[in-house]
């Protein structure tokens, strides 16, 4: 997996426009949102409801997978978008 990550990093660095800020994420089980915190820039949330102002199902699922991969609480994942 490291090689894939490194290749992605190389591809995104070519433009010279990519930033790698430290971002904290956690799942709020009661609200059903994933919270994002960037030090010095505040807090935001995203959810999986397309009709919501904070809705971005694709990003929500990617963040849920990141939480799962780190062994943290996460919402149910969508593995097959056709089944959604």
N, C-alpha and C. Protein backbone atom coordinates (compact mmCIF):
# COMPACT_ATOMS: atom_id res chain seq x y z
N UNK A 1 0.82 -1.19 0.00
CA UNK A 1 0.00 0.00 0.00
C UNK A 1 0.86 1.26 0.00
N UNK A 2 2.03 1.18 0.60
CA UNK A 2 2.90 2.35 0.65
C UNK A 2 3.26 2.84 -0.75
N UNK A 3 3.55 1.93 -1.67
CA UNK A 3 3.93 2.31 -3.03
C UNK A 3 2.80 3.07 -3.71
N UNK A 4 1.58 2.60 -3.54
CA UNK A 4 0.43 3.28 -4.13
C UNK A 4 0.30 4.68 -3.55
N UNK A 5 0.43 4.81 -2.23
CA UNK A 5 0.35 6.12 -1.59
C UNK A 5 1.43 7.05 -2.11
N UNK A 6 2.64 6.53 -2.26
CA UNK A 6 3.75 7.36 -2.75
C UNK A 6 3.52 7.80 -4.19
N UNK A 7 3.00 6.91 -5.03
CA UNK A 7 2.71 7.28 -6.42
C UNK A 7 1.65 8.37 -6.48
N UNK A 8 0.62 8.26 -5.64
CA UNK A 8 -0.41 9.30 -5.59
C UNK A 8 0.20 10.62 -5.14
N UNK A 9 1.08 10.57 -4.17
CA UNK A 9 1.72 11.79 -3.68
C UNK A 9 2.55 12.44 -4.78
N UNK A 10 3.30 11.65 -5.52
CA UNK A 10 4.12 12.18 -6.61
C UNK A 10 3.24 12.83 -7.67
N UNK A 11 2.15 12.18 -8.02
CA UNK A 11 1.26 12.71 -9.06
C UNK A 11 0.65 14.04 -8.63
N UNK A 12 0.26 14.17 -7.37
CA UNK A 12 -0.37 15.40 -6.92
C UNK A 12 0.65 16.51 -6.69
N UNK A 13 1.89 16.17 -6.43
CA UNK A 13 2.91 17.20 -6.18
C UNK A 13 3.41 17.85 -7.46
N UNK A 14 3.16 17.27 -8.58
CA UNK A 14 3.65 17.83 -9.84
C UNK A 14 3.16 19.25 -10.09
N UNK A 15 1.95 19.56 -9.68
CA UNK A 15 1.40 20.88 -9.94
C UNK A 15 1.98 21.93 -9.02
N UNK A 16 2.54 21.52 -7.89
CA UNK A 16 3.05 22.49 -6.92
C UNK A 16 1.94 23.20 -6.16
N UNK A 17 0.71 22.78 -6.33
CA UNK A 17 -0.43 23.45 -5.70
C UNK A 17 -1.01 22.66 -4.53
N UNK A 18 -0.50 21.49 -4.28
CA UNK A 18 -1.08 20.61 -3.27
C UNK A 18 -0.56 20.96 -1.88
N UNK A 19 -1.49 21.06 -0.92
CA UNK A 19 -1.15 21.28 0.49
C UNK A 19 -1.50 20.02 1.26
N UNK A 20 -0.79 19.76 2.33
CA UNK A 20 -1.02 18.60 3.18
C UNK A 20 -1.24 19.06 4.62
N UNK A 21 -2.40 19.72 4.88
CA UNK A 21 -2.65 20.19 6.24
C UNK A 21 -2.96 19.03 7.18
N UNK A 22 -2.74 19.24 8.45
CA UNK A 22 -3.11 18.25 9.46
C UNK A 22 -4.61 18.44 9.71
N UNK A 23 -5.39 17.39 9.47
CA UNK A 23 -6.83 17.45 9.62
C UNK A 23 -7.29 16.35 10.57
N UNK A 24 -8.05 16.73 11.58
CA UNK A 24 -8.64 15.75 12.49
C UNK A 24 -10.05 15.43 12.03
N UNK A 25 -10.43 14.16 12.03
CA UNK A 25 -11.80 13.78 11.68
C UNK A 25 -12.33 12.80 12.72
N UNK A 26 -13.63 12.90 13.00
CA UNK A 26 -14.28 11.95 13.89
C UNK A 26 -15.75 11.88 13.54
N UNK A 27 -16.36 10.74 13.86
CA UNK A 27 -17.76 10.49 13.58
C UNK A 27 -18.60 10.81 14.80
N UNK A 28 -19.59 11.67 14.63
CA UNK A 28 -20.55 11.99 15.68
C UNK A 28 -21.74 11.06 15.47
N UNK A 29 -21.80 10.00 16.26
CA UNK A 29 -22.83 8.97 16.08
C UNK A 29 -24.24 9.51 16.29
N UNK A 30 -24.42 10.44 17.21
CA UNK A 30 -25.76 10.98 17.47
C UNK A 30 -26.25 11.83 16.31
N UNK A 31 -25.41 12.68 15.77
CA UNK A 31 -25.80 13.56 14.68
C UNK A 31 -25.71 12.86 13.32
N UNK A 32 -24.86 11.84 13.22
CA UNK A 32 -24.67 11.16 11.95
C UNK A 32 -23.72 11.89 11.01
N UNK A 33 -22.98 12.84 11.55
CA UNK A 33 -22.04 13.64 10.75
C UNK A 33 -20.60 13.21 11.02
N UNK A 34 -19.74 13.50 10.06
CA UNK A 34 -18.31 13.40 10.29
C UNK A 34 -17.80 14.82 10.46
N UNK A 35 -17.10 15.06 11.54
CA UNK A 35 -16.55 16.38 11.84
C UNK A 35 -15.12 16.45 11.32
N UNK A 36 -14.76 17.61 10.78
CA UNK A 36 -13.41 17.87 10.31
C UNK A 36 -12.88 19.08 11.05
N UNK A 37 -11.67 18.97 11.56
CA UNK A 37 -11.05 20.08 12.29
C UNK A 37 -9.66 20.33 11.72
N UNK A 38 -9.43 21.59 11.31
CA UNK A 38 -8.12 22.00 10.83
C UNK A 38 -7.62 23.06 11.81
N UNK A 39 -6.52 22.78 12.53
CA UNK A 39 -6.02 23.74 13.51
C UNK A 39 -5.87 25.14 12.91
N UNK A 40 -6.44 26.12 13.60
CA UNK A 40 -6.37 27.50 13.15
C UNK A 40 -7.42 27.88 12.12
N UNK A 41 -8.20 26.90 11.65
CA UNK A 41 -9.20 27.19 10.62
C UNK A 41 -10.60 26.75 11.02
N UNK A 42 -10.75 26.20 12.20
CA UNK A 42 -12.08 25.87 12.69
C UNK A 42 -12.55 24.47 12.36
N UNK A 43 -13.86 24.32 12.49
CA UNK A 43 -14.52 23.03 12.41
C UNK A 43 -15.58 23.06 11.32
N UNK A 44 -15.77 21.93 10.66
CA UNK A 44 -16.84 21.78 9.69
C UNK A 44 -17.37 20.36 9.80
N UNK A 45 -18.50 20.11 9.17
CA UNK A 45 -19.08 18.77 9.17
C UNK A 45 -19.51 18.40 7.76
N UNK A 46 -19.62 17.10 7.55
CA UNK A 46 -20.13 16.58 6.29
C UNK A 46 -21.00 15.37 6.63
N UNK A 47 -22.05 15.17 5.84
CA UNK A 47 -22.89 13.99 6.04
C UNK A 47 -23.16 13.33 4.69
N UNK A 48 -23.82 12.20 4.73
CA UNK A 48 -24.06 11.43 3.52
C UNK A 48 -25.38 11.72 2.83
N UNK A 49 -26.07 12.77 3.25
CA UNK A 49 -27.38 13.11 2.67
C UNK A 49 -27.21 14.12 1.54
N UNK A 50 -27.43 13.69 0.32
CA UNK A 50 -27.23 14.55 -0.85
C UNK A 50 -28.07 15.83 -0.78
N UNK A 51 -29.24 15.76 -0.16
CA UNK A 51 -30.14 16.92 -0.11
C UNK A 51 -29.76 17.93 0.98
N UNK A 52 -28.82 17.58 1.84
CA UNK A 52 -28.42 18.45 2.94
C UNK A 52 -27.40 19.49 2.48
N UNK A 53 -27.43 20.65 3.13
CA UNK A 53 -26.42 21.68 2.87
C UNK A 53 -25.02 21.13 3.13
N UNK A 54 -24.89 20.28 4.14
CA UNK A 54 -23.60 19.67 4.50
C UNK A 54 -23.41 18.31 3.83
N UNK A 55 -24.29 17.97 2.90
CA UNK A 55 -24.26 16.65 2.29
C UNK A 55 -23.27 16.50 1.15
N UNK A 56 -22.48 15.46 1.23
CA UNK A 56 -21.57 15.07 0.16
C UNK A 56 -21.32 13.57 0.34
N UNK A 57 -22.22 12.75 -0.21
CA UNK A 57 -22.13 11.31 0.02
C UNK A 57 -20.79 10.69 -0.35
N UNK A 58 -20.19 11.12 -1.44
CA UNK A 58 -18.92 10.54 -1.87
C UNK A 58 -17.80 10.86 -0.87
N UNK A 59 -17.67 12.13 -0.48
CA UNK A 59 -16.66 12.53 0.50
C UNK A 59 -16.93 11.86 1.85
N UNK A 60 -18.19 11.82 2.26
CA UNK A 60 -18.58 11.20 3.52
C UNK A 60 -18.10 9.74 3.56
N UNK A 61 -18.30 9.02 2.46
CA UNK A 61 -17.89 7.62 2.40
C UNK A 61 -16.37 7.48 2.44
N UNK A 62 -15.65 8.37 1.76
CA UNK A 62 -14.18 8.32 1.79
C UNK A 62 -13.66 8.57 3.21
N UNK A 63 -14.25 9.55 3.89
CA UNK A 63 -13.84 9.83 5.27
C UNK A 63 -14.22 8.68 6.20
N UNK A 64 -15.37 8.06 5.96
CA UNK A 64 -15.78 6.90 6.76
C UNK A 64 -14.77 5.77 6.60
N UNK A 65 -14.29 5.56 5.39
CA UNK A 65 -13.28 4.52 5.15
C UNK A 65 -11.97 4.86 5.85
N UNK A 66 -11.61 6.14 5.85
CA UNK A 66 -10.38 6.55 6.55
C UNK A 66 -10.51 6.28 8.04
N UNK A 67 -11.67 6.58 8.61
CA UNK A 67 -11.90 6.30 10.03
C UNK A 67 -11.83 4.80 10.29
N UNK A 68 -12.48 4.02 9.45
CA UNK A 68 -12.44 2.56 9.61
C UNK A 68 -11.01 2.04 9.56
N UNK A 69 -10.24 2.53 8.59
CA UNK A 69 -8.86 2.07 8.42
C UNK A 69 -7.98 2.40 9.62
N UNK A 70 -8.36 3.44 10.37
CA UNK A 70 -7.62 3.83 11.58
C UNK A 70 -8.19 3.18 12.83
N UNK A 71 -9.21 2.34 12.66
CA UNK A 71 -9.81 1.66 13.81
C UNK A 71 -10.71 2.54 14.65
N UNK A 72 -11.23 3.60 14.06
CA UNK A 72 -12.09 4.54 14.79
C UNK A 72 -13.56 4.28 14.48
N UNK A 73 -14.46 4.74 15.36
CA UNK A 73 -15.89 4.61 15.05
C UNK A 73 -16.20 5.30 13.73
N UNK A 74 -17.07 4.68 12.94
CA UNK A 74 -17.40 5.22 11.63
C UNK A 74 -18.82 4.83 11.25
N UNK A 75 -19.42 5.57 10.33
CA UNK A 75 -20.75 5.21 9.85
C UNK A 75 -20.66 3.99 8.92
N UNK A 76 -21.80 3.39 8.61
CA UNK A 76 -21.79 2.30 7.63
C UNK A 76 -21.21 2.78 6.31
N UNK A 77 -20.45 1.91 5.67
CA UNK A 77 -19.80 2.25 4.41
C UNK A 77 -20.65 1.83 3.22
N UNK A 78 -20.51 2.57 2.15
CA UNK A 78 -21.13 2.18 0.89
C UNK A 78 -20.02 1.57 0.04
N UNK A 79 -20.07 0.27 -0.16
CA UNK A 79 -19.05 -0.41 -0.95
C UNK A 79 -19.43 -0.44 -2.43
N UNK A 80 -20.73 -0.54 -2.69
CA UNK A 80 -21.20 -0.61 -4.08
C UNK A 80 -22.25 0.48 -4.27
N UNK A 81 -21.90 1.53 -4.99
CA UNK A 81 -22.80 2.67 -5.15
C UNK A 81 -24.08 2.29 -5.89
N UNK A 82 -24.06 1.23 -6.68
CA UNK A 82 -25.26 0.79 -7.39
C UNK A 82 -26.31 0.27 -6.42
N UNK A 83 -25.87 -0.23 -5.27
CA UNK A 83 -26.78 -0.77 -4.26
C UNK A 83 -27.38 0.31 -3.37
N UNK A 84 -26.94 1.52 -3.55
CA UNK A 84 -27.36 2.61 -2.67
C UNK A 84 -28.80 2.96 -2.86
